[in-house]
Amino acid sequence: MPAPAPPGFAAALAAGPLVLDGGLSNQLAAAGYDLSDALWSARLLADAPEAVVAAHRAYFEAGAEVAITATYQASFEGFARRGLGRADAERLLALGVELARRAAAPVRADRPLWVAASVGPYGAALADGSEYRGRYGLTTAELEAFHRPRLEVLAAAGPDVLALETVPDADEARALLRAVRGLGVPAWLSFSVAGDRTRAGQPLAEAFAPAADADEVVAVGVNCCTPQDADRAVATAARVTGKPVVVYPNSGERWDAGARAWRGAATFGVPGAAPGGGRAGVAGWLADGARLVGGCCRVGPREIAALAAEVARGRD
């Protein structure tokens, strides 16, 4: 008798928690790949797809249950600047989902593994750091028109969920919530934050609120922030939306854009501290409503393995 099909992602999330992967870019850089291109890790969809598979697989083997695809910085405009036409761009966007599926195949055992198609903000496509500022000077309608075509391509590729991530601005979040309507794939919405505000300066409670009534959105939260900022955001997201919370902060180091280097000390996974770092760490996040937990920039398989062990202890 064949094994029963795994539950849908929303059902698995409700039964959670689920462990996300860590930073795809740092895993690729550790393998020796240059990501200084404007397409960032999305360049390797065309140039080194097997490297992307290997990076995803490292996280699955470390205990991650959800892989986030290498499509964060992928856009039709970005691929066009590399001389790739619409058809090639669509193929590479879909390939991001396929590569994550391929990585899961030899790892899958007694646990379902899931694929989240990454959808970065408009600023990621500009590759000028504006994803950490927002306020692009575009209307909500213009942002929706930018996001919808690639969302359609990614949804057609068959991911389990769409990861609307590192969103810096409540206005862009509203555009994304409109853009995912009718695609038939659940989504999570995750802001990049500083303190208790979005990167564009809006109060988090106000930014989270529109997601409460969005049927397509199965989780709301934060990523690409410090572990300490994640601590305070999780409870706010749960309180405002009543939905499961997604949380995957950076290592705690700070990116120096001028020097193009990371500064400071890591607090995610520091020996003797909770794997999530910060005041609360994983146990606090789970207690406050987190059901998707992982890491973002500079968080690797070792840290995800520790986080997965912490989540497993919480399930027992």
Protein backbone atom coordinates (compact mmCIF):
# COMPACT_ATOMS: atom_id res chain seq x y z
CA MET A 1 0.00 0.00 0.00
CA PRO A 2 1.47 3.42 -0.91
CA ALA A 3 2.24 5.83 1.89
CA PRO A 4 -0.48 8.43 2.49
CA ALA A 5 0.13 11.86 1.01
CA PRO A 6 1.45 14.42 3.48
CA PRO A 7 -0.99 17.03 4.75
CA GLY A 8 -1.13 20.41 3.09
CA PHE A 9 1.28 23.03 4.32
CA ALA A 10 -1.33 24.97 6.26
CA ALA A 11 -2.38 21.82 8.12
CA ALA A 12 1.24 20.93 8.87
CA LEU A 13 1.81 24.46 10.13
CA ALA A 14 -1.23 24.25 12.41
CA ALA A 15 0.23 21.06 13.88
CA GLY A 16 3.74 22.66 13.96
CA PRO A 17 6.19 23.99 14.78
CA LEU A 18 8.25 23.55 11.61
CA VAL A 19 11.95 24.27 11.21
CA LEU A 20 13.08 26.58 8.42
CA ASP A 21 16.52 26.56 6.83
CA GLY A 22 19.24 29.18 7.29
CA GLY A 23 20.92 31.62 4.96
CA LEU A 24 21.26 30.18 1.47
CA SER A 25 23.76 32.82 0.41
CA ASN A 26 26.20 32.15 3.23
CA GLN A 27 26.09 28.42 2.53
CA LEU A 28 26.87 29.05 -1.14
CA ALA A 29 29.63 31.51 -0.25
CA ALA A 30 31.13 28.95 2.14
CA ALA A 31 31.25 26.53 -0.80
CA GLY A 32 33.37 29.06 -2.70
CA TYR A 33 30.82 30.79 -4.93
CA ASP A 34 31.07 34.52 -5.63
CA LEU A 35 27.71 36.19 -4.96
CA SER A 36 28.74 39.77 -5.66
CA ASP A 37 26.59 39.82 -8.80
CA ALA A 38 23.41 41.93 -8.70
CA LEU A 39 21.38 38.72 -8.94
CA TRP A 40 23.04 37.42 -5.76
CA SER A 41 22.29 33.72 -5.21
CA ALA A 42 19.75 33.75 -8.06
CA ARG A 43 22.71 33.90 -10.48
CA LEU A 44 23.52 30.32 -9.59
CA LEU A 45 20.14 29.14 -10.86
CA ALA A 46 21.69 29.57 -14.30
CA ASP A 47 25.39 29.17 -13.58
CA ALA A 48 25.60 26.42 -10.93
CA PRO A 49 22.23 24.81 -10.17
CA GLU A 50 23.80 21.78 -8.49
CA ALA A 51 25.42 24.13 -5.96
CA VAL A 52 21.95 25.35 -5.02
CA VAL A 53 20.78 21.75 -4.60
CA ALA A 54 23.76 21.00 -2.34
CA ALA A 55 23.08 24.08 -0.19
CA HIS A 56 19.43 23.16 0.28
CA ARG A 57 20.39 19.58 1.07
CA ALA A 58 22.84 20.69 3.77
CA TYR A 59 19.99 22.38 5.60
CA PHE A 60 17.60 19.45 5.19
CA GLU A 61 20.28 17.14 6.56
CA ALA A 62 20.76 19.52 9.50
CA GLY A 63 17.10 19.15 10.44
CA ALA A 64 15.30 21.85 8.44
CA GLU A 65 11.84 20.90 7.25
CA VAL A 66 11.30 23.89 4.93
CA ALA A 67 13.70 25.09 2.22
CA ILE A 68 13.43 28.66 0.92
CA THR A 69 14.31 28.87 -2.77
CA ALA A 70 17.11 30.86 -4.41
CA THR A 71 14.63 33.27 -6.02
CA TYR A 72 14.74 36.12 -3.49
CA GLN A 73 16.60 38.49 -5.81
CA ALA A 74 15.23 37.01 -9.03
CA SER A 75 13.09 39.24 -11.24
CA PHE A 76 12.30 39.65 -14.91
CA GLU A 77 14.09 42.99 -14.85
CA GLY A 78 17.18 41.57 -13.18
CA PHE A 79 17.44 38.67 -15.59
CA ALA A 80 16.91 41.06 -18.50
CA ARG A 81 19.98 43.03 -17.41
CA ARG A 82 21.88 39.77 -17.82
CA GLY A 83 20.56 39.39 -21.37
CA LEU A 84 17.90 36.79 -20.55
CA GLY A 85 14.47 37.06 -22.12
CA ARG A 86 11.08 36.44 -20.57
CA ALA A 87 10.99 32.72 -21.31
CA ASP A 88 14.42 32.13 -19.80
CA ALA A 89 13.51 34.16 -16.72
CA GLU A 90 10.34 32.13 -16.23
CA ARG A 91 12.33 28.91 -16.57
CA LEU A 92 14.86 30.01 -13.95
CA LEU A 93 12.18 31.13 -11.49
CA ALA A 94 10.51 27.73 -11.79
CA LEU A 95 13.88 26.01 -11.55
CA GLY A 96 14.34 27.48 -8.09
CA VAL A 97 11.39 25.41 -6.87
CA GLU A 98 12.55 22.31 -8.74
CA LEU A 99 16.05 22.47 -7.22
CA ALA A 100 14.67 22.60 -3.68
CA ARG A 101 12.46 19.59 -4.45
CA ARG A 102 15.48 17.77 -5.84
CA ALA A 103 17.44 18.47 -2.67
CA ALA A 104 14.69 16.96 -0.52
CA ALA A 105 14.41 13.69 -2.44
CA PRO A 106 17.36 11.75 -0.94
CA VAL A 107 16.84 13.21 2.55
CA ARG A 108 13.14 12.53 2.98
CA ALA A 109 12.53 9.79 5.52
CA ASP A 110 9.72 9.78 8.07
CA ARG A 111 9.07 13.52 7.85
CA PRO A 112 7.52 15.66 5.14
CA LEU A 113 9.84 18.29 3.68
CA TRP A 114 8.45 21.49 2.25
CA VAL A 115 9.46 24.10 -0.34
CA ALA A 116 8.85 27.83 0.11
CA ALA A 117 9.26 29.95 -3.02
CA SER A 118 11.09 33.11 -2.01
CA VAL A 119 9.65 36.43 -3.16
CA GLY A 120 11.89 39.32 -2.19
CA PRO A 121 10.79 42.97 -2.05
CA TYR A 122 11.07 45.42 -4.92
CA GLY A 123 14.29 46.79 -3.47
CA ALA A 124 15.97 43.38 -3.79
CA ALA A 125 15.58 43.58 -7.56
CA LEU A 126 17.28 46.98 -7.54
CA ALA A 127 20.29 45.42 -5.76
CA ASP A 128 21.13 48.74 -4.11
CA GLY A 129 20.21 48.03 -0.50
CA SER A 130 16.85 49.79 -0.72
CA GLU A 131 15.08 46.66 0.52
CA TYR A 132 16.30 47.79 3.95
CA ARG A 133 14.70 51.20 3.57
CA GLY A 134 11.48 50.83 1.57
CA ARG A 135 9.77 54.02 0.46
CA TYR A 136 10.64 53.48 -3.21
CA GLY A 137 8.41 56.26 -4.52
CA LEU A 138 6.03 53.78 -6.19
CA THR A 139 2.31 53.44 -5.64
CA THR A 140 0.74 50.31 -4.22
CA ALA A 141 -0.68 49.55 -7.67
CA GLU A 142 2.76 49.85 -9.26
CA LEU A 143 4.27 47.51 -6.67
CA GLU A 144 1.47 45.02 -7.19
CA ALA A 145 2.10 45.13 -10.96
CA PHE A 146 5.79 44.42 -10.34
CA HIS A 147 5.20 41.45 -8.03
CA ARG A 148 2.22 39.71 -9.64
CA PRO A 149 3.89 38.28 -12.79
CA ARG A 150 6.70 36.50 -10.97
CA LEU A 151 4.30 35.34 -8.26
CA GLU A 152 2.23 33.71 -11.01
CA VAL A 153 5.30 31.92 -12.36
CA LEU A 154 6.42 30.74 -8.94
CA ALA A 155 2.93 29.58 -7.96
CA ALA A 156 2.65 27.59 -11.20
CA ALA A 157 5.92 25.82 -10.33
CA GLY A 158 4.17 24.10 -7.44
CA PRO A 159 5.78 25.24 -4.18
CA ASP A 160 4.08 24.40 -0.90
CA VAL A 161 4.04 28.04 0.16
CA LEU A 162 5.13 31.46 -1.09
CA ALA A 163 7.59 33.26 1.19
CA LEU A 164 6.90 37.00 0.90
CA GLU A 165 10.00 37.93 2.82
CA THR A 166 12.23 40.75 4.03
CA VAL A 167 9.45 43.25 3.31
CA PRO A 168 10.60 46.68 4.57
CA ASP A 169 7.45 48.70 4.13
CA ALA A 170 3.77 48.32 5.07
CA ASP A 171 2.76 49.80 1.71
CA GLU A 172 4.65 47.06 -0.14
CA ALA A 173 3.08 44.46 2.14
CA ARG A 174 -0.37 45.64 1.09
CA ALA A 175 0.69 45.36 -2.55
CA LEU A 176 1.92 41.80 -1.98
CA LEU A 177 -1.29 40.83 -0.20
CA ARG A 178 -3.21 41.98 -3.27
CA ALA A 179 -0.78 40.25 -5.63
CA VAL A 180 -1.18 36.78 -4.05
CA ARG A 181 -4.95 36.72 -4.36
CA GLY A 182 -6.31 33.84 -6.39
CA LEU A 183 -2.99 32.05 -6.95
CA GLY A 184 -4.09 28.94 -5.09
CA VAL A 185 -0.89 28.71 -3.01
CA PRO A 186 -0.66 29.74 0.66
CA ALA A 187 1.81 32.45 1.62
CA TRP A 188 3.63 33.82 4.59
CA LEU A 189 4.38 37.52 5.02
CA SER A 190 7.60 38.46 6.79
CA PHE A 191 8.89 41.96 7.50
CA SER A 192 12.44 43.15 7.98
CA VAL A 193 12.35 45.28 11.11
CA ALA A 194 14.37 47.54 13.37
CA GLY A 195 13.13 47.66 16.93
CA ASP A 196 9.34 47.70 16.94
CA ARG A 197 9.00 49.25 13.49
CA THR A 198 9.37 48.26 9.88
CA ARG A 199 12.51 49.38 8.10
CA ALA A 200 10.42 52.16 6.57
CA GLY A 201 9.44 53.32 10.05
CA GLN A 202 5.85 52.14 10.45
CA PRO A 203 4.76 50.61 13.78
CA LEU A 204 4.78 46.83 13.50
CA ALA A 205 1.27 46.48 14.86
CA GLU A 206 -0.02 48.61 11.99
CA ALA A 207 2.08 46.75 9.43
CA PHE A 208 0.90 43.31 10.54
CA ALA A 209 -2.79 44.22 10.69
CA PRO A 210 -3.79 43.84 6.99
CA ALA A 211 -2.58 40.22 6.99
CA ALA A 212 -5.18 39.27 9.59
CA ASP A 213 -7.93 39.28 6.96
CA ALA A 214 -5.91 37.82 4.08
CA ASP A 215 -7.12 34.26 3.54
CA GLU A 216 -4.02 33.37 1.50
CA VAL A 217 -1.66 34.22 4.36
CA VAL A 218 -0.99 31.32 6.74
CA ALA A 219 1.77 32.96 8.82
CA VAL A 220 3.02 36.46 9.60
CA GLY A 221 6.27 37.55 11.17
CA VAL A 222 9.82 38.82 10.72
CA ASN A 223 13.15 37.86 9.16
CA CYS A 224 16.51 39.44 8.34
CA CYS A 225 16.62 41.29 11.66
CA THR A 226 18.53 40.80 14.90
CA PRO A 227 17.47 37.97 17.21
CA GLN A 228 16.65 40.62 19.82
CA ASP A 229 14.27 42.42 17.45
CA ALA A 230 12.66 39.08 16.64
CA ASP A 231 11.95 38.53 20.34
CA ARG A 232 9.62 41.50 20.61
CA ALA A 233 8.03 41.08 17.16
CA VAL A 234 6.72 37.53 17.56
CA ALA A 235 4.20 38.33 20.26
CA THR A 236 3.05 41.43 18.35
CA ALA A 237 2.43 39.44 15.16
CA ALA A 238 0.45 36.78 17.03
CA ARG A 239 -1.63 39.31 18.93
CA VAL A 240 -2.46 41.50 15.95
CA THR A 241 -3.22 38.78 13.37
CA GLY A 242 -4.23 35.73 15.39
CA LYS A 243 -2.17 33.66 12.93
CA PRO A 244 0.87 31.41 13.32
CA VAL A 245 4.10 33.40 13.39
CA VAL A 246 7.16 32.97 11.18
CA VAL A 247 10.51 34.09 12.58
CA TYR A 248 13.99 33.72 11.09
CA PRO A 249 16.47 36.41 12.12
CA ASN A 250 20.07 36.98 11.09
CA SER A 251 23.05 35.86 13.13
CA GLY A 252 23.13 39.14 15.06
CA GLU A 253 26.06 40.55 13.10
CA ARG A 254 25.58 43.86 11.28
CA TRP A 255 26.09 44.40 7.55
CA ASP A 256 28.38 47.35 6.72
CA ALA A 257 27.21 48.31 3.23
CA GLY A 258 30.13 50.68 2.65
CA ALA A 259 32.75 48.08 3.45
CA ARG A 260 30.61 45.22 2.14
CA ALA A 261 31.43 43.24 5.26
CA TRP A 262 29.72 41.91 8.40
CA ARG A 263 30.57 43.57 11.71
CA GLY A 264 29.98 42.69 15.35
CA ALA A 265 29.36 39.41 17.13
CA ALA A 266 26.85 36.68 16.36
CA THR A 267 24.16 36.07 18.97
CA PHE A 268 22.25 33.36 17.08
CA GLY A 269 23.49 30.00 18.33
CA VAL A 270 26.11 31.34 20.75
CA PRO A 271 27.30 28.40 22.91
CA GLY A 272 25.47 28.40 26.22
CA ALA A 273 22.63 30.57 24.91
CA ALA A 274 19.32 29.60 23.41
CA PRO A 275 19.83 28.68 19.74
CA GLY A 276 17.81 31.67 18.62
CA GLY A 277 19.85 34.11 20.67
CA GLY A 278 18.25 37.26 21.99
CA ARG A 279 16.29 37.48 25.23
CA ALA A 280 13.84 34.68 24.57
CA GLY A 281 15.35 32.44 21.92
CA VAL A 282 13.44 29.56 20.37
CA ALA A 283 11.52 28.59 23.51
CA GLY A 284 10.27 32.14 23.91
CA TRP A 285 9.32 32.42 20.25
CA LEU A 286 7.33 29.19 20.41
CA ALA A 287 5.60 30.28 23.60
CA ASP A 288 4.64 33.57 21.94
CA GLY A 289 3.09 31.90 18.89
CA ALA A 290 5.91 31.08 16.46
CA ARG A 291 5.24 28.01 14.31
CA LEU A 292 7.90 28.53 11.62
CA VAL A 293 11.38 29.10 13.05
CA GLY A 294 14.75 29.30 11.34
CA GLY A 295 17.59 31.64 10.43
CA CYS A 296 18.45 34.17 7.76
CA CYS A 297 21.77 35.83 6.88
CA ARG A 298 24.90 34.28 8.39
CA VAL A 299 22.97 31.42 10.00
CA GLY A 300 24.30 28.08 8.75
CA PRO A 301 23.56 24.35 9.06
CA ARG A 302 25.26 24.09 12.46
CA GLU A 303 22.93 26.71 13.94
CA ILE A 304 19.89 25.16 12.27
CA ALA A 305 20.82 21.76 13.71
CA ALA A 306 20.87 23.29 17.20
CA LEU A 307 17.58 25.06 16.55
CA ALA A 308 15.98 21.84 15.25
CA ALA A 309 17.08 20.03 18.40
CA GLU A 310 15.52 22.77 20.52
CA VAL A 311 12.25 22.54 18.58
CA ALA A 312 12.27 18.73 18.94
CA ARG A 313 12.65 19.06 22.71
CA GLY A 314 9.70 21.44 22.75
CA ARG A 315 7.56 18.90 20.90
CA ASP A 316 8.27 16.16 23.45
